[in-house]
C-alpha atoms as a PDB file:
ATOM      1  CA  MET A   1      -5.335 -16.415   4.255  1.00  0.00           C
ATOM      2  CA  ASP A   2      -6.641 -12.757   4.694  1.00  0.00           C
ATOM      3  CA  LEU A   3      -7.232 -12.958   8.254  1.00  0.00           C
ATOM      4  CA  GLY A   4      -3.658 -14.275   8.756  1.00  0.00           C
ATOM      5  CA  ILE A   5      -1.887 -11.525   6.908  1.00  0.00           C
ATOM      6  CA  PRO A   6      -1.693  -8.949   9.522  1.00  0.00           C
ATOM      7  CA  ALA A   7      -0.469 -11.196  12.212  1.00  0.00           C
ATOM      8  CA  ARG A   8       2.041 -12.880   9.949  1.00  0.00           C
ATOM      9  CA  VAL A   9       3.590  -9.722   8.718  1.00  0.00           C
ATOM     10  CA  PHE A  10       3.470  -7.557  11.864  1.00  0.00           C
ATOM     11  CA  ASN A  11       4.773 -10.449  14.080  1.00  0.00           C
ATOM     12  CA  GLU A  12       7.826 -10.651  11.910  1.00  0.00           C
ATOM     13  CA  ALA A  13       8.789  -7.063  12.479  1.00  0.00           C
ATOM     14  CA  ARG A  14      11.494  -7.102  15.053  1.00  0.00           C
ATOM     15  CA  GLN A  15      14.131  -4.950  16.675  1.00  0.00           C
ATOM     16  CA  PRO A  16      17.934  -6.068  16.057  1.00  0.00           C
ATOM     17  CA  ASP A  17      17.861  -8.075  19.339  1.00  0.00           C
ATOM     18  CA  GLY A  18      14.676  -9.984  18.042  1.00  0.00           C
ATOM     19  CA  THR A  19      12.241  -8.121  20.389  1.00  0.00           C
ATOM     20  CA  PRO A  20       8.799  -7.865  18.489  1.00  0.00           C
ATOM     21  CA  LEU A  21       7.833  -4.351  17.388  1.00  0.00           C
ATOM     22  CA  TYR A  22       4.042  -5.135  17.487  1.00  0.00           C
ATOM     23  CA  SER A  23       1.546  -7.042  19.622  1.00  0.00           C
ATOM     24  CA  VAL A  24      -1.342  -8.409  17.542  1.00  0.00           C
ATOM     25  CA  SER A  25      -4.749  -9.391  18.832  1.00  0.00           C
ATOM     26  CA  THR A  26      -7.696 -10.760  16.812  1.00  0.00           C
ATOM     27  CA  CYS A  27     -11.138 -10.063  17.748  1.00  0.00           C
ATOM     28  CA  SER A  28     -14.806 -10.813  16.547  1.00  0.00           C
ATOM     29  CA  LEU A  29     -18.087  -9.368  17.528  1.00  0.00           C
ATOM     30  CA  GLY A  30     -18.898 -10.677  20.787  1.00  0.00           C
ATOM     31  CA  GLY A  31     -15.879 -12.963  20.742  1.00  0.00           C
ATOM     32  CA  ARG A  32     -18.017 -15.334  18.804  1.00  0.00           C
ATOM     33  CA  PRO A  33     -16.772 -17.904  16.343  1.00  0.00           C
ATOM     34  CA  VAL A  34     -16.941 -16.673  12.690  1.00  0.00           C
ATOM     35  CA  ARG A  35     -18.143 -18.955   9.924  1.00  0.00           C
ATOM     36  CA  THR A  36     -15.926 -18.707   6.818  1.00  0.00           C
ATOM     37  CA  HIS A  37     -16.460 -19.582   3.033  1.00  0.00           C
ATOM     38  CA  GLU A  38     -14.346 -22.747   3.630  1.00  0.00           C
ATOM     39  CA  ASP A  39     -15.332 -25.711   5.750  1.00  0.00           C
ATOM     40  CA  TYR A  40     -14.282 -24.304   9.069  1.00  0.00           C
ATOM     41  CA  ARG A  41     -15.063 -21.674  11.629  1.00  0.00           C
ATOM     42  CA  ILE A  42     -12.654 -19.318  13.184  1.00  0.00           C
ATOM     43  CA  VAL A  43     -12.476 -18.990  16.992  1.00  0.00           C
ATOM     44  CA  VAL A  44     -10.683 -16.017  18.512  1.00  0.00           C
ATOM     45  CA  ASP A  45      -9.850 -14.977  22.184  1.00  0.00           C
ATOM     46  CA  HIS A  46     -11.177 -11.357  22.057  1.00  0.00           C
ATOM     47  CA  ASP A  47     -14.232  -9.334  21.468  1.00  0.00           C
ATOM     48  CA  GLU A  48     -14.587  -5.760  20.017  1.00  0.00           C
ATOM     49  CA  SER A  49     -13.540  -4.209  23.286  1.00  0.00           C
ATOM     50  CA  VAL A  50      -9.953  -4.503  22.366  1.00  0.00           C
ATOM     51  CA  LEU A  51     -10.672  -1.901  19.550  1.00  0.00           C
ATOM     52  CA  GLU A  52     -10.618   0.759  22.140  1.00  0.00           C
ATOM     53  CA  THR A  53      -6.973   0.477  22.921  1.00  0.00           C
ATOM     54  CA  ALA A  54      -5.658  -0.426  19.634  1.00  0.00           C
ATOM     55  CA  ASP A  55      -3.092   1.776  17.775  1.00  0.00           C
ATOM     56  CA  THR A  56      -3.984   0.154  14.380  1.00  0.00           C
ATOM     57  CA  VAL A  57      -7.169  -1.680  13.495  1.00  0.00           C
ATOM     58  CA  VAL A  58      -7.084  -4.006  10.440  1.00  0.00           C
ATOM     59  CA  LEU A  59     -10.531  -5.196   9.054  1.00  0.00           C
ATOM     60  CA  ALA A  60     -10.086  -8.617   7.518  1.00  0.00           C
ATOM     61  CA  THR A  61     -11.567  -9.286   4.130  1.00  0.00           C
ATOM     62  CA  GLN A  62     -15.320 -10.078   4.568  1.00  0.00           C
ATOM     63  CA  GLU A  63     -18.318 -10.024   2.234  1.00  0.00           C
ATOM     64  CA  PRO A  64     -20.275  -6.721   2.298  1.00  0.00           C
ATOM     65  CA  GLY A  65     -23.589  -8.637   2.744  1.00  0.00           C
ATOM     66  CA  GLU A  66     -26.937  -8.227   1.148  1.00  0.00           C
ATOM     67  CA  HIS A  67     -28.152  -5.535   3.641  1.00  0.00           C
ATOM     68  CA  LEU A  68     -25.060  -3.267   3.120  1.00  0.00           C
ATOM     69  CA  LEU A  69     -25.085  -3.746  -0.786  1.00  0.00           C
ATOM     70  CA  ALA A  70     -28.817  -2.850  -0.870  1.00  0.00           C
ATOM     71  CA  THR A  71     -28.756   0.118   1.537  1.00  0.00           C
ATOM     72  CA  GLY A  72     -25.211   1.210   1.885  1.00  0.00           C
ATOM     73  CA  ALA A  73     -25.672   0.971   5.741  1.00  0.00           C
ATOM     74  CA  LEU A  74     -23.822  -1.137   8.323  1.00  0.00           C
ATOM     75  CA  PRO A  75     -25.477  -3.689  10.474  1.00  0.00           C
ATOM     76  CA  GLU A  76     -26.071  -2.115  13.929  1.00  0.00           C
ATOM     77  CA  ASP A  77     -23.664  -4.313  15.865  1.00  0.00           C
ATOM     78  CA  LEU A  78     -20.862  -3.790  13.398  1.00  0.00           C
ATOM     79  CA  ALA A  79     -21.494   0.037  13.460  1.00  0.00           C
ATOM     80  CA  ALA A  80     -21.270   0.012  17.230  1.00  0.00           C
ATOM     81  CA  ALA A  81     -18.062  -1.909  17.073  1.00  0.00           C
ATOM     82  CA  LEU A  82     -16.487   0.643  14.709  1.00  0.00           C
ATOM     83  CA  ASP A  83     -17.534   3.480  17.043  1.00  0.00           C
ATOM     84  CA  ARG A  84     -15.352   2.006  19.654  1.00  0.00           C
ATOM     85  CA  ILE A  85     -12.308   2.769  17.664  1.00  0.00           C
ATOM     86  CA  GLY A  86     -10.359   5.867  18.935  1.00  0.00           C
ATOM     87  CA  PRO A  87     -10.246   9.119  16.759  1.00  0.00           C
ATOM     88  CA  ARG A  88      -6.449   8.793  16.230  1.00  0.00           C
ATOM     89  CA  THR A  89      -6.359   5.096  15.652  1.00  0.00           C
ATOM     90  CA  ARG A  90      -5.063   3.968  12.245  1.00  0.00           C
ATOM     91  CA  ILE A  91      -7.630   1.984  10.350  1.00  0.00           C
ATOM     92  CA  VAL A  92      -6.824  -0.386   7.497  1.00  0.00           C
ATOM     93  CA  SER A  93      -9.151  -2.400   5.318  1.00  0.00           C
ATOM     94  CA  LEU A  94      -8.145  -5.546   3.445  1.00  0.00           C
ATOM     95  CA  CYS A  95      -9.988  -6.255   0.158  1.00  0.00           C
ATOM     96  CA  THR A  96     -13.784  -6.100   0.405  1.00  0.00           C
ATOM     97  CA  SER A  97     -13.700  -4.750   3.932  1.00  0.00           C
ATOM     98  CA  ALA A  98     -13.430  -1.263   2.365  1.00  0.00           C
ATOM     99  CA  PHE A  99     -17.184  -1.538   1.809  1.00  0.00           C
ATOM    100  CA  LEU A 100     -17.487  -1.449   5.716  1.00  0.00           C
ATOM    101  CA  LEU A 101     -15.264   1.614   5.904  1.00  0.00           C
ATOM    102  CA  ALA A 102     -17.234   3.360   3.120  1.00  0.00           C
ATOM    103  CA  ALA A 103     -20.570   2.598   4.892  1.00  0.00           C
ATOM    104  CA  ALA A 104     -19.250   4.051   8.084  1.00  0.00           C
ATOM    105  CA  GLY A 105     -18.547   7.244   6.228  1.00  0.00           C
ATOM    106  CA  LEU A 106     -14.787   6.981   6.829  1.00  0.00           C
ATOM    107  CA  LEU A 107     -14.011   7.128   3.080  1.00  0.00           C
ATOM    108  CA  ASP A 108     -16.170  10.059   2.066  1.00  0.00           C
ATOM    109  CA  GLY A 109     -14.138  12.473  -0.113  1.00  0.00           C
ATOM    110  CA  ARG A 110     -11.090  10.074  -0.019  1.00  0.00           C
ATOM    111  CA  ARG A 111      -9.394   7.948  -2.500  1.00  0.00           C
ATOM    112  CA  ALA A 112      -9.811   4.113  -1.778  1.00  0.00           C
ATOM    113  CA  THR A 113      -9.572   0.767  -3.440  1.00  0.00           C
ATOM    114  CA  THR A 114     -10.943  -2.693  -3.088  1.00  0.00           C
ATOM    115  CA  HIS A 115     -10.888  -6.013  -5.027  1.00  0.00           C
ATOM    116  CA  TRP A 116     -11.053  -5.005  -8.774  1.00  0.00           C
ATOM    117  CA  ALA A 117     -14.069  -7.059  -9.330  1.00  0.00           C
ATOM    118  CA  LEU A 118     -16.105  -4.965  -6.973  1.00  0.00           C
ATOM    119  CA  CYS A 119     -14.733  -1.520  -7.676  1.00  0.00           C
ATOM    120  CA  ASP A 120     -17.688  -0.575 -10.038  1.00  0.00           C
ATOM    121  CA  ALA A 121     -20.158  -1.633  -7.371  1.00  0.00           C
ATOM    122  CA  MET A 122     -18.413   0.233  -4.572  1.00  0.00           C
ATOM    123  CA  ALA A 123     -18.319   3.332  -6.744  1.00  0.00           C
ATOM    124  CA  ARG A 124     -22.104   3.123  -7.482  1.00  0.00           C
ATOM    125  CA  LEU A 125     -23.069   2.550  -3.885  1.00  0.00           C
ATOM    126  CA  PHE A 126     -20.776   5.222  -2.440  1.00  0.00           C
ATOM    127  CA  PRO A 127     -20.422   8.024  -4.917  1.00  0.00           C
ATOM    128  CA  ASP A 128     -18.583  10.238  -2.403  1.00  0.00           C
ATOM    129  CA  VAL A 129     -15.669   7.764  -2.529  1.00  0.00           C
ATOM    130  CA  GLU A 130     -12.990   8.026  -5.230  1.00  0.00           C
ATOM    131  CA  VAL A 131     -12.488   4.435  -6.105  1.00  0.00           C
ATOM    132  CA  ASP A 132      -9.149   3.640  -7.703  1.00  0.00           C
ATOM    133  CA  PRO A 133      -9.338   0.030  -9.341  1.00  0.00           C
ATOM    134  CA  ASP A 134      -5.705   0.081 -10.498  1.00  0.00           C
ATOM    135  CA  VAL A 135      -3.596   0.192  -7.315  1.00  0.00           C
ATOM    136  CA  LEU A 136      -2.509  -2.418  -4.749  1.00  0.00           C
ATOM    137  CA  PHE A 137      -3.433  -0.071  -1.841  1.00  0.00           C
ATOM    138  CA  VAL A 138      -4.283   3.478  -0.936  1.00  0.00           C
ATOM    139  CA  ASP A 139      -2.661   5.463   1.859  1.00  0.00           C
ATOM    140  CA  ASN A 140      -4.791   8.358   3.090  1.00  0.00           C
ATOM    141  CA  GLY A 141      -2.823   8.780   6.405  1.00  0.00           C
ATOM    142  CA  ARG A 142      -5.229   7.408   9.117  1.00  0.00           C
ATOM    143  CA  ILE A 143      -7.254   5.474   6.701  1.00  0.00           C
ATOM    144  CA  LEU A 144      -5.697   2.863   4.407  1.00  0.00           C
ATOM    145  CA  THR A 145      -7.348   0.513   1.872  1.00  0.00           C
ATOM    146  CA  SER A 146      -5.999  -2.420  -0.043  1.00  0.00           C
ATOM    147  CA  ALA A 147      -6.968  -4.439  -3.120  1.00  0.00           C
ATOM    148  CA  GLY A 148      -7.817  -8.023  -3.113  1.00  0.00           C
ATOM    149  CA  GLY A 149      -5.988 -11.028  -1.824  1.00  0.00           C
ATOM    150  CA  ALA A 150      -2.212 -10.784  -1.318  1.00  0.00           C
ATOM    151  CA  ALA A 151      -2.400  -6.993  -1.654  1.00  0.00           C
ATOM    152  CA  GLY A 152      -3.006  -6.998   2.004  1.00  0.00           C
ATOM    153  CA  ILE A 153       0.660  -8.102   2.403  1.00  0.00           C
ATOM    154  CA  ASP A 154       1.781  -5.181   0.318  1.00  0.00           C
ATOM    155  CA  LEU A 155      -0.186  -2.792   2.607  1.00  0.00           C
ATOM    156  CA  CYS A 156       1.099  -4.317   5.782  1.00  0.00           C
ATOM    157  CA  LEU A 157       4.643  -4.039   4.581  1.00  0.00           C
ATOM    158  CA  HIS A 158       3.984  -0.589   3.642  1.00  0.00           C
ATOM    159  CA  LEU A 159       2.942   0.123   7.285  1.00  0.00           C
ATOM    160  CA  LEU A 160       6.115  -1.413   8.508  1.00  0.00           C
ATOM    161  CA  ARG A 161       8.137   1.022   6.217  1.00  0.00           C
ATOM    162  CA  LEU A 162       6.241   3.941   7.644  1.00  0.00           C
ATOM    163  CA  ASP A 163       6.634   2.939  11.244  1.00  0.00           C
ATOM    164  CA  HIS A 164      10.057   1.401  11.382  1.00  0.00           C
ATOM    165  CA  GLY A 165      11.850   1.966   8.094  1.00  0.00           C
ATOM    166  CA  ALA A 166      12.679   0.029   4.931  1.00  0.00           C
ATOM    167  CA  ALA A 167      15.268  -2.335   6.735  1.00  0.00           C
ATOM    168  CA  VAL A 168      12.683  -3.656   9.095  1.00  0.00           C
ATOM    169  CA  ALA A 169      10.127  -4.048   6.382  1.00  0.00           C
ATOM    170  CA  SER A 170      12.645  -5.785   4.066  1.00  0.00           C
ATOM    171  CA  ALA A 171      13.623  -8.245   6.825  1.00  0.00           C
ATOM    172  CA  ALA A 172      10.027  -9.052   7.687  1.00  0.00           C
ATOM    173  CA  ALA A 173       9.368  -9.662   4.020  1.00  0.00           C
ATOM    174  CA  ARG A 174      12.284 -11.961   3.788  1.00  0.00           C
ATOM    175  CA  ARG A 175      11.142 -13.905   6.685  1.00  0.00           C
ATOM    176  CA  CYS A 176       7.657 -14.233   5.128  1.00  0.00           C
ATOM    177  CA  VAL A 177       9.167 -15.104   1.844  1.00  0.00           C
ATOM    178  CA  VAL A 178       7.540 -12.382  -0.092  1.00  0.00           C
ATOM    179  CA  ALA A 179       8.688  -9.430  -2.193  1.00  0.00           C
ATOM    180  CA  PRO A 180       9.418  -6.291  -0.017  1.00  0.00           C
ATOM    181  CA  TRP A 181       7.886  -4.232  -2.828  1.00  0.00           C
ATOM    182  CA  ARG A 182       5.759  -5.332  -5.749  1.00  0.00           C
ATOM    183  CA  GLU A 183       5.703  -3.115  -8.900  1.00  0.00           C
ATOM    184  CA  GLY A 184       2.501  -1.792 -10.300  1.00  0.00           C
ATOM    185  CA  GLY A 185      -0.994  -2.249  -9.098  1.00  0.00           C
ATOM    186  CA  GLN A 186      -3.871  -4.652  -9.385  1.00  0.00           C
ATOM    187  CA  ALA A 187      -4.514  -3.357 -12.901  1.00  0.00           C
ATOM    188  CA  GLN A 188      -2.099  -6.088 -14.050  1.00  0.00           C
ATOM    189  CA  PHE A 189      -4.515  -8.761 -12.515  1.00  0.00           C
ATOM    190  CA  ILE A 190      -7.852  -7.469 -13.952  1.00  0.00           C
ATOM    191  CA  GLU A 191      -9.285  -9.829 -16.522  1.00  0.00           C
ATOM    192  CA  HIS A 192      -8.881  -8.368 -20.007  1.00  0.00           C
ATOM    193  CA  PRO A 193      -8.963  -9.884 -23.477  1.00  0.00           C
ATOM    194  CA  VAL A 194      -5.533 -11.411 -24.430  1.00  0.00           C
ATOM    195  CA  PRO A 195      -3.827  -8.979 -26.759  1.00  0.00           C
ATOM    196  CA  GLN A 196      -2.691 -10.199 -30.095  1.00  0.00           C
ATOM    197  CA  ASP A 197       0.918  -8.685 -29.782  1.00  0.00           C
ATOM    198  CA  THR A 198       2.212 -10.554 -26.654  1.00  0.00           C
ATOM    199  CA  ASP A 199       5.753 -11.164 -27.975  1.00  0.00           C
ATOM    200  CA  ARG A 200       7.107  -8.013 -26.357  1.00  0.00           C
ATOM    201  CA  SER A 201       7.533  -6.910 -22.801  1.00  0.00           C
ATOM    202  CA  THR A 202       8.597  -3.738 -21.010  1.00  0.00           C
ATOM    203  CA  SER A 203      10.385  -5.725 -18.112  1.00  0.00           C
ATOM    204  CA  ALA A 204      13.814  -5.236 -19.637  1.00  0.00           C
ATOM    205  CA  THR A 205      13.281  -1.501 -19.930  1.00  0.00           C
ATOM    206  CA  ARG A 206      12.073  -1.329 -16.406  1.00  0.00           C
ATOM    207  CA  GLN A 207      15.271  -2.878 -15.168  1.00  0.00           C
ATOM    208  CA  TRP A 208      17.297  -0.569 -17.462  1.00  0.00           C
ATOM    209  CA  ALA A 209      15.518   2.469 -15.867  1.00  0.00           C
ATOM    210  CA  LEU A 210      16.187   1.025 -12.357  1.00  0.00           C
ATOM    211  CA  ASP A 211      19.821   0.833 -13.129  1.00  0.00           C
ATOM    212  CA  ARG A 212      19.910   4.503 -14.101  1.00  0.00           C
ATOM    213  CA  LEU A 213      17.822   6.320 -11.473  1.00  0.00           C
ATOM    214  CA  ALA A 214      20.365   9.030 -11.111  1.00  0.00           C
ATOM    215  CA  GLU A 215      20.072   9.851 -14.827  1.00  0.00           C
ATOM    216  CA  PRO A 216      17.486  12.039 -16.489  1.00  0.00           C
ATOM    217  CA  ILE A 217      15.078   9.528 -18.272  1.00  0.00           C
ATOM    218  CA  THR A 218      12.148  10.534 -20.467  1.00  0.00           C
ATOM    219  CA  LEU A 219       9.220   8.665 -21.736  1.00  0.00           C
ATOM    220  CA  GLU A 220      10.835   8.750 -25.231  1.00  0.00           C
ATOM    221  CA  ASP A 221      14.072   7.265 -23.746  1.00  0.00           C
ATOM    222  CA  MET A 222      12.188   4.360 -22.296  1.00  0.00           C
ATOM    223  CA  ALA A 223      10.145   3.717 -25.490  1.00  0.00           C
ATOM    224  CA  ARG A 224      13.422   3.966 -27.617  1.00  0.00           C
ATOM    225  CA  HIS A 225      15.057   1.314 -25.268  1.00  0.00           C
ATOM    226  CA  ALA A 226      12.124  -1.063 -25.567  1.00  0.00           C
ATOM    227  CA  HIS A 227      12.258  -0.440 -29.457  1.00  0.00           C
ATOM    228  CA  MET A 228       8.468   0.643 -29.443  1.00  0.00           C
ATOM    229  CA  SER A 229       6.762   3.820 -30.278  1.00  0.00           C
ATOM    230  CA  VAL A 230       5.793   5.985 -27.308  1.00  0.00           C
ATOM    231  CA  ARG A 231       2.107   5.114 -27.771  1.00  0.00           C
ATOM    232  CA  THR A 232       2.681   1.301 -27.754  1.00  0.00           C
ATOM    233  CA  PHE A 233       5.169   1.307 -24.882  1.00  0.00           C
ATOM    234  CA  THR A 234       2.866   3.418 -22.758  1.00  0.00           C
ATOM    235  CA  ARG A 235      -0.030   1.006 -23.447  1.00  0.00           C
ATOM    236  CA  ARG A 236       1.961  -2.177 -22.853  1.00  0.00           C
ATOM    237  CA  PHE A 237       3.651  -0.682 -19.722  1.00  0.00           C
ATOM    238  CA  ARG A 238       0.270   0.132 -18.223  1.00  0.00           C
ATOM    239  CA  SER A 239      -1.154  -3.272 -18.956  1.00  0.00           C
ATOM    240  CA  GLU A 240       1.814  -4.912 -17.374  1.00  0.00           C
ATOM    241  CA  VAL A 241       2.434  -2.797 -14.336  1.00  0.00           C
ATOM    242  CA  GLY A 242      -0.860  -1.011 -13.783  1.00  0.00           C
ATOM    243  CA  SER A 243       0.632   2.541 -13.930  1.00  0.00           C
ATOM    244  CA  SER A 244       2.044   4.966 -16.406  1.00  0.00           C
ATOM    245  CA  PRO A 245       5.803   4.780 -17.077  1.00  0.00           C
ATOM    246  CA  LEU A 246       6.555   8.227 -15.585  1.00  0.00           C
ATOM    247  CA  LYS A 247       4.487   7.667 -12.577  1.00  0.00           C
ATOM    248  CA  TRP A 248       6.178   4.346 -11.963  1.00  0.00           C
ATOM    249  CA  LEU A 249       9.554   5.937 -12.507  1.00  0.00           C
ATOM    250  CA  ALA A 250       8.778   8.672  -9.915  1.00  0.00           C
ATOM    251  CA  GLN A 251       7.639   6.178  -7.352  1.00  0.00           C
ATOM    252  CA  ARG A 252      10.919   4.118  -7.803  1.00  0.00           C
ATOM    253  CA  ARG A 253      12.863   7.311  -7.322  1.00  0.00           C
ATOM    254  CA  LEU A 254      11.049   8.241  -4.243  1.00  0.00           C
ATOM    255  CA  GLU A 255      11.535   4.589  -2.800  1.00  0.00           C
ATOM    256  CA  HIS A 256      15.320   4.918  -3.398  1.00  0.00           C
ATOM    257  CA  ALA A 257      15.324   8.311  -1.828  1.00  0.00           C
ATOM    258  CA  ARG A 258      13.596   6.919   1.260  1.00  0.00           C
ATOM    259  CA  LEU A 259      16.162   4.184   1.543  1.00  0.00           C
ATOM    260  CA  LEU A 260      19.098   6.550   1.393  1.00  0.00           C
ATOM    261  CA  LEU A 261      17.488   8.817   3.843  1.00  0.00           C
ATOM    262  CA  GLU A 262      17.110   5.965   6.310  1.00  0.00           C
ATOM    263  CA  SER A 263      20.456   4.230   5.767  1.00  0.00           C
ATOM    264  CA  THR A 264      22.992   6.944   4.993  1.00  0.00           C
ATOM    265  CA  ASP A 265      24.076  10.464   6.059  1.00  0.00           C
ATOM    266  CA  LEU A 266      23.895  11.923   2.579  1.00  0.00           C
ATOM    267  CA  THR A 267      22.546  15.351   2.377  1.00  0.00           C
ATOM    268  CA  VAL A 268      19.069  16.016   0.775  1.00  0.00           C
ATOM    269  CA  ALA A 269      20.781  17.681  -2.189  1.00  0.00           C
ATOM    270  CA  ARG A 270      23.023  14.596  -2.800  1.00  0.00           C
ATOM    271  CA  ILE A 271      20.175  12.254  -2.467  1.00  0.00           C
ATOM    272  CA  ALA A 272      17.908  14.352  -4.864  1.00  0.00           C
ATOM    273  CA  SER A 273      20.777  13.966  -7.335  1.00  0.00           C
ATOM    274  CA  ALA A 274      21.402  10.266  -6.739  1.00  0.00           C
ATOM    275  CA  CYS A 275      17.745   9.513  -7.299  1.00  0.00           C
ATOM    276  CA  GLY A 276      17.237  11.599 -10.324  1.00  0.00           C
ATOM    277  CA  PHE A 277      15.173  14.349  -8.917  1.00  0.00           C
ATOM    278  CA  GLY A 278      17.709  16.883 -10.003  1.00  0.00           C
ATOM    279  CA  ASP A 279      17.430  19.238  -7.046  1.00  0.00           C
ATOM    280  CA  PRO A 280      16.226  19.306  -3.342  1.00  0.00           C
ATOM    281  CA  VAL A 281      13.101  21.286  -4.350  1.00  0.00           C
ATOM    282  CA  ALA A 282      11.741  18.557  -6.502  1.00  0.00           C
ATOM    283  CA  LEU A 283      12.530  15.933  -3.891  1.00  0.00           C
ATOM    284  CA  ARG A 284      10.682  17.805  -1.295  1.00  0.00           C
ATOM    285  CA  LYS A 285       7.727  18.278  -3.517  1.00  0.00           C
ATOM    286  CA  HIS A 286       7.430  14.542  -4.005  1.00  0.00           C
ATOM    287  CA  PHE A 287       7.876  13.812  -0.327  1.00  0.00           C
ATOM    288  CA  TYR A 288       5.091  16.237   0.575  1.00  0.00           C
ATOM    289  CA  THR A 289       2.802  14.999  -2.190  1.00  0.00           C
ATOM    290  CA  TYR A 290       3.136  11.187  -1.337  1.00  0.00           C
ATOM    291  CA  LEU A 291       4.207  11.184   2.218  1.00  0.00           C
ATOM    292  CA  GLY A 292       2.976  14.404   3.684  1.00  0.00           C
ATOM    293  CA  LEU A 293       6.355  15.409   5.180  1.00  0.00           C
ATOM    294  CA  SER A 294       9.752  16.758   4.200  1.00  0.00           C
ATOM    295  CA  PRO A 295      12.856  14.553   3.583  1.00  0.00           C
ATOM    296  CA  LEU A 296      14.543  15.816   6.681  1.00  0.00           C
ATOM    297  CA  ALA A 297      11.437  15.000   8.781  1.00  0.00           C
ATOM    298  CA  TYR A 298      11.246  11.567   7.260  1.00  0.00           C
ATOM    299  CA  ARG A 299      14.817  11.033   8.166  1.00  0.00           C
ATOM    300  CA  ARG A 300      14.337  12.152  11.737  1.00  0.00           C
ATOM    301  CA  ALA A 301      11.174   9.958  12.166  1.00  0.00           C
ATOM    302  CA  HIS A 302      13.262   6.896  11.091  1.00  0.00           C
ATOM    303  CA  ASN A 303      16.141   7.761  13.429  1.00  0.00           C
ATOM    304  CA  ALA A 304      18.449   7.799  10.430  1.00  0.00           C
ATOM    305  CA  PRO A 305      21.940   9.358  10.567  1.00  0.00           C
ATOM    306  CA  GLU A 306      21.974  13.110  10.020  1.00  0.00           C
ATOM    307  CA  PRO A 307      24.366  14.586   7.594  1.00  0.00           C
ATOM    308  CA  THR A 308      27.913  15.140   8.905  1.00  0.00           C
ATOM    309  CA  THR A 309      29.583  16.501   5.891  1.00  0.00           C
ATOM    310  CA  ALA A 310      28.386  18.828   3.027  1.00  0.00           C
ATOM    311  CA  ARG A 311      28.651  16.149   0.284  1.00  0.00           C
END
């Protein structure tokens, strides 16, 4: 499944006339067949030489191996293959392949994630990496890491949004029959003791907030709507979604702002108001914090319509 995710998602990204936006090649060390944990081998058509010309390299899920777990060092042939990746090539890890990036030193001083069951082991083995067990993926710009299993789909769709906008990503998601954006992080999948008070959910309040993104919404407002104390609501929200209520709300506002920048000619001030940021300064701050560019630069990068009127 994990090996097929990049090809499946990227090959569904198309221009309006159906022209593919990506060309996907799959390689192995020496072009050799690869034994899986199932009852078959995988045979590919390319060796690691294709890494030298790739714009994006995705490392499929693979076990770190006893040597790496014991020493924190990559096998020589794998280290040599990674050295063939260009200095500006985007590098993406799926699930446990984050261990390979960490062993190569590519995650030093960076935030990263991997499958929740191995986050503690990764943090012990690579203390210079800030391991986040709660999220579905982490975007550091050139280096991106995803959590376990289907989180690779979330990360690949995120790359489509970055490269070609929300409309292309949403269309690809529909063709793959998956959600274009999943709420929360992998914290919601971590094994925890089942709580005694499972008769209440925050889902209705999340929808209530999504229907009112333009309005000022406080943590107290959300807790009041859910008929819970702030403390109880925050605990249950984090358990269900894997994020704090206000962080989740800010991310949803940002996603809506990105969609409006891509698909409308509304001014930044109007978008800031429509998404509940209040003023353009707050919107710009969030864009720089999470995306590393201004709203106008984001609009230009996605070939979106420029404002034509001051509205």
